[in-house]
Amino acid sequence: MSVAEFDDHPLAELWTPPITTAKQDFAELGQLGLGQLLATVDGRPIAEVSSVEPTLVIRARTAATKGGR
């Protein structure tokens, strides 16, 4: 069985064994959100909704599948 979490809790790498996580760049998400909010307040169009891809941080609580992948 594999265990994973989202948002890379500060203790995730310290737990025994360390937990695999999907890490989000919250600073970049905040900048994108604020930019969209300010554009809306100023009456400017928002050309496209941006997204930030999370980074997978594999730690000891994730095992390979039976097929080895």
N, C-alpha and C. Protein backbone atom coordinates (compact mmCIF):
# COMPACT_ATOMS: atom_id res chain seq x y z
N MET A 1 0.85 -1.16 0.00
CA MET A 1 0.00 0.00 0.00
C MET A 1 0.90 1.23 0.00
N SER A 2 0.51 2.22 -0.78
CA SER A 2 1.22 3.50 -0.81
C SER A 2 0.36 4.57 -0.16
N VAL A 3 1.01 5.52 0.50
CA VAL A 3 0.33 6.64 1.13
C VAL A 3 0.92 7.92 0.55
N ALA A 4 0.04 8.85 0.17
CA ALA A 4 0.49 10.14 -0.35
C ALA A 4 -0.39 11.24 0.24
N GLU A 5 0.13 12.45 0.23
CA GLU A 5 -0.64 13.59 0.72
C GLU A 5 -0.49 14.74 -0.26
N PHE A 6 -1.28 15.77 -0.06
CA PHE A 6 -1.28 16.93 -0.95
C PHE A 6 -0.88 18.16 -0.15
N ASP A 7 -0.12 19.04 -0.75
CA ASP A 7 0.30 20.34 -0.20
C ASP A 7 1.62 20.30 0.55
N ASP A 8 2.30 19.17 0.61
CA ASP A 8 3.62 19.05 1.21
C ASP A 8 3.68 19.65 2.61
N HIS A 9 2.93 19.05 3.51
CA HIS A 9 2.94 19.45 4.91
C HIS A 9 4.39 19.50 5.39
N PRO A 10 4.77 20.50 6.19
CA PRO A 10 6.17 20.63 6.63
C PRO A 10 6.74 19.39 7.32
N LEU A 11 5.90 18.58 7.92
CA LEU A 11 6.38 17.38 8.61
C LEU A 11 6.42 16.14 7.73
N ALA A 12 5.91 16.24 6.49
CA ALA A 12 5.80 15.06 5.62
C ALA A 12 7.13 14.35 5.42
N GLU A 13 8.21 15.10 5.29
CA GLU A 13 9.51 14.46 5.07
C GLU A 13 10.15 14.00 6.39
N LEU A 14 9.59 14.43 7.51
CA LEU A 14 10.16 14.05 8.80
C LEU A 14 9.50 12.82 9.40
N TRP A 15 8.26 12.50 8.99
CA TRP A 15 7.58 11.33 9.51
C TRP A 15 8.33 10.08 9.11
N THR A 16 8.16 9.00 9.84
CA THR A 16 8.84 7.75 9.54
C THR A 16 7.82 6.72 9.09
N PRO A 17 7.89 6.24 7.88
CA PRO A 17 8.72 6.73 6.78
C PRO A 17 8.15 8.03 6.20
N PRO A 18 8.98 8.80 5.50
CA PRO A 18 8.52 10.06 4.89
C PRO A 18 7.39 9.82 3.90
N ILE A 19 6.44 10.77 3.82
CA ILE A 19 5.24 10.62 2.98
C ILE A 19 5.44 11.31 1.63
N THR A 20 5.07 10.59 0.57
CA THR A 20 5.06 11.16 -0.78
C THR A 20 4.01 12.26 -0.83
N THR A 21 4.26 13.30 -1.61
CA THR A 21 3.35 14.44 -1.64
C THR A 21 3.26 15.07 -3.03
N ALA A 22 2.18 15.77 -3.27
CA ALA A 22 2.04 16.64 -4.44
C ALA A 22 2.22 18.06 -3.90
N LYS A 23 3.32 18.69 -4.29
CA LYS A 23 3.70 19.99 -3.74
C LYS A 23 3.19 21.11 -4.64
N GLN A 24 2.48 22.07 -4.06
CA GLN A 24 1.96 23.23 -4.78
C GLN A 24 2.83 24.45 -4.51
N ASP A 25 2.99 25.31 -5.50
CA ASP A 25 3.70 26.58 -5.33
C ASP A 25 2.65 27.63 -4.97
N PHE A 26 2.40 27.78 -3.66
CA PHE A 26 1.35 28.69 -3.22
C PHE A 26 1.66 30.15 -3.49
N ALA A 27 2.93 30.53 -3.53
CA ALA A 27 3.29 31.91 -3.86
C ALA A 27 2.87 32.22 -5.30
N GLU A 28 3.16 31.31 -6.21
CA GLU A 28 2.78 31.53 -7.61
C GLU A 28 1.26 31.52 -7.78
N LEU A 29 0.58 30.62 -7.09
CA LEU A 29 -0.89 30.60 -7.14
C LEU A 29 -1.48 31.91 -6.64
N GLY A 30 -0.91 32.44 -5.55
CA GLY A 30 -1.38 33.71 -5.01
C GLY A 30 -1.16 34.86 -5.98
N GLN A 31 0.00 34.88 -6.64
CA GLN A 31 0.28 35.94 -7.62
C GLN A 31 -0.68 35.88 -8.79
N LEU A 32 -0.96 34.67 -9.28
CA LEU A 32 -1.91 34.53 -10.39
C LEU A 32 -3.31 34.98 -9.98
N GLY A 33 -3.73 34.56 -8.79
CA GLY A 33 -5.06 34.95 -8.30
C GLY A 33 -5.19 36.44 -8.11
N LEU A 34 -4.17 37.07 -7.53
CA LEU A 34 -4.19 38.52 -7.32
C LEU A 34 -4.20 39.25 -8.66
N GLY A 35 -3.43 38.77 -9.62
CA GLY A 35 -3.41 39.39 -10.95
C GLY A 35 -4.78 39.34 -11.60
N GLN A 36 -5.47 38.21 -11.48
CA GLN A 36 -6.81 38.09 -12.05
C GLN A 36 -7.80 38.99 -11.32
N LEU A 37 -7.68 39.07 -10.00
CA LEU A 37 -8.57 39.93 -9.22
C LEU A 37 -8.37 41.39 -9.61
N LEU A 38 -7.11 41.84 -9.69
CA LEU A 38 -6.84 43.24 -10.05
C LEU A 38 -7.31 43.56 -11.47
N ALA A 39 -7.16 42.61 -12.39
CA ALA A 39 -7.64 42.82 -13.76
C ALA A 39 -9.16 42.98 -13.76
N THR A 40 -9.84 42.17 -12.97
CA THR A 40 -11.30 42.26 -12.89
C THR A 40 -11.74 43.60 -12.30
N VAL A 41 -11.09 44.03 -11.20
CA VAL A 41 -11.42 45.31 -10.55
C VAL A 41 -11.17 46.47 -11.51
N ASP A 42 -10.10 46.40 -12.30
CA ASP A 42 -9.76 47.47 -13.25
C ASP A 42 -10.58 47.40 -14.54
N GLY A 43 -11.41 46.36 -14.67
CA GLY A 43 -12.24 46.23 -15.87
C GLY A 43 -11.49 45.68 -17.07
N ARG A 44 -10.31 45.12 -16.84
CA ARG A 44 -9.54 44.52 -17.95
C ARG A 44 -9.97 43.07 -18.12
N PRO A 45 -9.98 42.61 -19.37
CA PRO A 45 -10.34 41.20 -19.59
C PRO A 45 -9.22 40.26 -19.12
N ILE A 46 -9.62 39.10 -18.71
CA ILE A 46 -8.66 38.05 -18.36
C ILE A 46 -8.61 37.12 -19.56
N ALA A 47 -7.49 37.10 -20.24
CA ALA A 47 -7.36 36.35 -21.49
C ALA A 47 -7.52 34.85 -21.28
N GLU A 48 -6.91 34.32 -20.26
CA GLU A 48 -6.96 32.88 -20.04
C GLU A 48 -6.72 32.60 -18.56
N VAL A 49 -7.36 31.58 -18.07
CA VAL A 49 -7.17 31.20 -16.68
C VAL A 49 -5.90 30.36 -16.60
N SER A 50 -4.95 30.81 -15.82
CA SER A 50 -3.69 30.09 -15.67
C SER A 50 -3.79 29.05 -14.56
N SER A 51 -2.95 28.07 -14.64
CA SER A 51 -2.88 27.08 -13.57
C SER A 51 -1.41 26.79 -13.27
N VAL A 52 -1.20 26.23 -12.12
CA VAL A 52 0.15 25.88 -11.70
C VAL A 52 0.17 24.37 -11.47
N GLU A 53 1.05 23.69 -12.16
CA GLU A 53 1.15 22.24 -12.02
C GLU A 53 1.86 21.89 -10.71
N PRO A 54 1.30 20.95 -9.94
CA PRO A 54 2.00 20.52 -8.73
C PRO A 54 3.22 19.68 -9.09
N THR A 55 4.15 19.58 -8.17
CA THR A 55 5.33 18.75 -8.33
C THR A 55 5.18 17.51 -7.47
N LEU A 56 5.39 16.35 -8.05
CA LEU A 56 5.32 15.11 -7.27
C LEU A 56 6.65 14.88 -6.57
N VAL A 57 6.60 14.77 -5.25
CA VAL A 57 7.80 14.52 -4.44
C VAL A 57 7.66 13.10 -3.89
N ILE A 58 8.39 12.17 -4.49
CA ILE A 58 8.28 10.77 -4.08
C ILE A 58 9.19 10.50 -2.90
N ARG A 59 8.58 9.97 -1.85
CA ARG A 59 9.33 9.63 -0.64
C ARG A 59 9.08 8.16 -0.32
N ALA A 60 9.43 7.73 0.85
CA ALA A 60 9.47 6.30 1.19
C ALA A 60 8.11 5.60 1.29
N ARG A 61 7.01 6.32 1.37
CA ARG A 61 5.72 5.64 1.53
C ARG A 61 5.06 5.29 0.20
N THR A 62 5.79 5.40 -0.88
CA THR A 62 5.25 5.05 -2.19
C THR A 62 6.05 3.88 -2.72
N ALA A 63 5.34 2.83 -3.11
CA ALA A 63 5.99 1.62 -3.63
C ALA A 63 5.67 1.47 -5.12
N ALA A 64 6.51 0.76 -5.82
CA ALA A 64 6.25 0.45 -7.23
C ALA A 64 5.06 -0.50 -7.32
N THR A 65 4.35 -0.42 -8.44
CA THR A 65 3.23 -1.34 -8.65
C THR A 65 3.77 -2.75 -8.92
N LYS A 66 2.91 -3.73 -8.94
CA LYS A 66 3.35 -5.10 -9.20
C LYS A 66 4.01 -5.23 -10.57
N GLY A 67 3.58 -4.38 -11.51
CA GLY A 67 4.17 -4.39 -12.84
C GLY A 67 5.52 -3.66 -12.90
N GLY A 68 5.94 -3.07 -11.79
CA GLY A 68 7.23 -2.41 -11.73
C GLY A 68 7.23 -0.97 -12.17
N ARG A 69 6.06 -0.39 -12.42
CA ARG A 69 5.98 0.99 -12.87
C ARG A 69 5.68 1.93 -11.76
